Amino acid sequence: MARRRDEQANAAVVAGALALVRPGLTGFGGSHDRRWNLASFRAACHAMARAVPRTALGECEGPHQSAEYYRARVDHEGTPLWLLLNAVEPVLAFAQWGQRLDYRFVDAPLLAAAFHGPHELATAAQLETRLAPQDWETRLHGQELAQARHWRPERVGDLVFSWWD
């Protein structure tokens, strides 16, 4: 019985993760969400940092030519994190920075609850979900599909927060 519940929960995570793999999300062939710009992103990050105790905000930046997302350095209770917001379709996530320009996605529920503005929160489980080529082959097209074929994203998060050039 418990195993069946676990399988159902896992299937729901995978379905939610694959729903994030949608055309335009990488920025190739899409345009930025007009509800966000760097100034509004900074303002939302500052408000979040003020609302959550023991949180400090660092640099806010983005998007740029090879990364179609905003990011802000956040220190929450001594843990350094990146707050990430896709610029095309505002998907919000939190991550720890790896050594090779790769993110390890984490959940930060207090920070997520305090981040205001139009966005869709992606969980660490969704973003860490492994991708097979058929997952993006059936959902992307045009230049975006060509980039995915070249870079071969391994996880949903690699596609949502790509730094392809």
Protein backbone atom coordinates (compact mmCIF):
# COMPACT_ATOMS: atom_id res chain seq x y z
CA MET A 1 0.00 0.00 0.00
CA ALA A 2 2.77 2.45 0.95
CA ARG A 3 4.73 1.46 -2.15
CA ARG A 4 1.74 2.24 -4.36
CA ARG A 5 1.37 5.68 -2.72
CA ASP A 6 5.09 6.34 -3.31
CA GLU A 7 4.74 5.33 -6.96
CA GLN A 8 1.73 7.61 -7.39
CA ALA A 9 3.55 10.51 -5.71
CA ASN A 10 6.58 9.94 -7.94
CA ALA A 11 4.38 9.82 -11.05
CA ALA A 12 2.81 13.15 -10.02
CA VAL A 13 6.26 14.74 -9.59
CA VAL A 14 7.37 13.50 -13.01
CA ALA A 15 4.16 14.75 -14.65
CA GLY A 16 4.60 18.16 -13.01
CA ALA A 17 8.24 18.26 -14.04
CA LEU A 18 7.51 17.40 -17.67
CA ALA A 19 4.79 20.06 -17.74
CA LEU A 20 7.64 22.58 -17.26
CA VAL A 21 9.20 21.43 -20.55
CA ARG A 22 7.26 23.70 -22.87
CA PRO A 23 8.03 25.70 -26.00
CA GLY A 24 9.70 29.08 -25.55
CA LEU A 25 10.91 28.48 -22.00
CA THR A 26 14.61 28.52 -22.93
CA GLY A 27 14.33 31.92 -24.60
CA PHE A 28 15.01 30.61 -28.09
CA GLY A 29 12.05 31.81 -30.07
CA GLY A 30 10.26 33.25 -27.05
CA SER A 31 10.02 36.73 -25.63
CA HIS A 32 10.42 37.89 -22.04
CA ASP A 33 7.39 38.05 -19.78
CA ARG A 34 6.44 41.74 -19.77
CA ARG A 35 5.43 41.57 -16.11
CA TRP A 36 9.08 41.24 -15.07
CA ASN A 37 12.18 43.32 -15.66
CA LEU A 38 15.40 43.64 -13.65
CA ALA A 39 14.04 46.48 -11.50
CA SER A 40 10.87 44.60 -10.55
CA PHE A 41 12.89 41.43 -9.90
CA ARG A 42 15.23 43.35 -7.58
CA ALA A 43 12.27 44.91 -5.77
CA ALA A 44 10.64 41.49 -5.22
CA CYS A 45 13.94 40.04 -3.97
CA HIS A 46 14.48 42.94 -1.55
CA ALA A 47 10.92 42.59 -0.21
CA MET A 48 11.45 38.84 0.26
CA ALA A 49 14.73 39.38 2.12
CA ARG A 50 13.10 41.93 4.43
CA ALA A 51 10.18 39.61 5.13
CA VAL A 52 12.20 36.50 6.07
CA PRO A 53 14.37 36.74 9.21
CA ARG A 54 18.08 35.90 8.90
CA THR A 55 18.05 36.50 5.14
CA ALA A 56 20.51 38.72 3.29
CA LEU A 57 20.32 39.62 -0.37
CA GLY A 58 23.35 39.86 -2.61
CA GLU A 59 23.69 40.72 -6.28
CA CYS A 60 20.63 40.53 -8.57
CA GLU A 61 21.22 40.12 -12.30
CA GLY A 62 19.87 38.87 -15.60
CA PRO A 63 18.73 37.95 -18.08
CA HIS A 64 21.57 38.04 -20.59
CA GLN A 65 22.47 36.58 -23.95
CA SER A 66 23.27 33.04 -22.85
CA ALA A 67 20.98 32.77 -19.79
CA GLU A 68 17.31 33.67 -20.11
CA TYR A 69 16.65 33.98 -16.41
CA TYR A 70 17.12 36.35 -13.51
CA ARG A 71 19.14 35.29 -10.52
CA ALA A 72 19.86 36.71 -7.10
CA ARG A 73 22.33 35.65 -4.48
CA VAL A 74 20.52 34.98 -1.18
CA ASP A 75 21.97 34.00 2.17
CA HIS A 76 19.30 32.39 4.34
CA GLU A 77 20.28 31.30 7.84
CA GLY A 78 23.91 30.97 6.76
CA THR A 79 23.12 28.94 3.64
CA PRO A 80 24.10 30.62 0.34
CA LEU A 81 21.51 30.08 -2.38
CA TRP A 82 20.57 31.33 -5.80
CA LEU A 83 17.02 32.51 -6.40
CA LEU A 84 16.22 31.86 -10.08
CA LEU A 85 13.35 33.26 -12.14
CA ASN A 86 12.89 32.29 -15.78
CA ALA A 87 12.48 35.46 -17.86
CA VAL A 88 10.21 33.99 -20.54
CA GLU A 89 7.70 32.18 -18.36
CA PRO A 90 8.32 33.13 -14.74
CA VAL A 91 9.21 29.81 -13.16
CA LEU A 92 10.78 30.38 -9.72
CA ALA A 93 13.33 28.07 -8.12
CA PHE A 94 16.10 27.96 -5.56
CA ALA A 95 19.49 26.31 -6.00
CA GLN A 96 22.93 25.86 -4.59
CA TRP A 97 25.78 26.68 -6.91
CA GLY A 98 28.04 23.86 -8.05
CA GLN A 99 31.62 24.10 -9.23
CA ARG A 100 30.85 23.79 -12.96
CA LEU A 101 28.00 26.18 -13.74
CA ASP A 102 25.51 23.58 -12.63
CA TYR A 103 22.80 24.07 -10.08
CA ARG A 104 21.70 21.68 -7.37
CA PHE A 105 18.06 22.58 -6.93
CA VAL A 106 16.70 22.86 -3.40
CA ASP A 107 13.40 23.77 -1.79
CA ALA A 108 13.28 26.98 0.26
CA PRO A 109 9.64 27.20 1.40
CA LEU A 110 10.02 30.30 3.61
CA LEU A 111 11.73 32.25 0.84
CA ALA A 112 9.29 31.01 -1.80
CA ALA A 113 6.29 32.08 0.30
CA ALA A 114 7.75 35.57 0.69
CA PHE A 115 8.53 36.10 -3.01
CA HIS A 116 5.67 38.10 -4.50
CA GLY A 117 4.82 38.71 -8.11
CA PRO A 118 3.58 36.55 -10.95
CA HIS A 119 5.43 33.24 -10.94
CA GLU A 120 5.09 29.47 -10.86
CA LEU A 121 7.11 27.73 -8.16
CA ALA A 122 9.07 24.68 -9.31
CA THR A 123 10.14 22.21 -6.67
CA ALA A 124 13.58 20.68 -6.36
CA ALA A 125 12.08 17.26 -7.16
CA GLN A 126 10.59 18.60 -10.41
CA LEU A 127 13.79 20.33 -11.50
CA GLU A 128 16.02 17.38 -10.60
CA THR A 129 13.80 15.01 -12.65
CA ARG A 130 15.89 13.28 -15.31
CA LEU A 131 15.12 13.99 -18.96
CA ALA A 132 15.32 11.56 -21.83
CA PRO A 133 15.70 12.93 -25.37
CA GLN A 134 12.12 11.97 -26.20
CA ASP A 135 10.94 14.26 -23.37
CA TRP A 136 12.18 17.37 -25.16
CA GLU A 137 11.97 16.00 -28.71
CA THR A 138 8.17 15.86 -28.43
CA ARG A 139 7.74 19.24 -26.69
CA LEU A 140 10.18 21.65 -28.35
CA HIS A 141 10.65 22.79 -31.93
CA GLY A 142 12.67 25.08 -34.16
CA GLN A 143 15.83 26.68 -32.82
CA GLU A 144 14.94 25.60 -29.30
CA LEU A 145 14.85 21.93 -30.33
CA ALA A 146 18.16 22.33 -32.19
CA GLN A 147 19.77 23.77 -29.05
CA ALA A 148 18.37 20.96 -26.89
CA ARG A 149 19.74 18.40 -29.34
CA HIS A 150 23.14 20.07 -29.15
CA TRP A 151 23.33 20.63 -25.36
CA ARG A 152 21.34 17.51 -24.37
CA PRO A 153 19.89 18.67 -21.03
CA GLU A 154 19.90 15.88 -18.47
CA ARG A 155 17.41 17.32 -15.98
CA VAL A 156 14.30 19.48 -16.26
CA GLY A 157 16.18 22.24 -14.41
CA ASP A 158 18.94 22.19 -17.04
CA LEU A 159 16.31 23.09 -19.62
CA VAL A 160 14.34 25.64 -17.55
CA PHE A 161 17.50 27.43 -16.37
CA SER A 162 19.79 26.88 -19.33
CA TRP A 163 22.86 28.96 -20.18
CA TRP A 164 23.09 27.84 -23.78
CA ASP A 165 24.64 30.22 -26.28
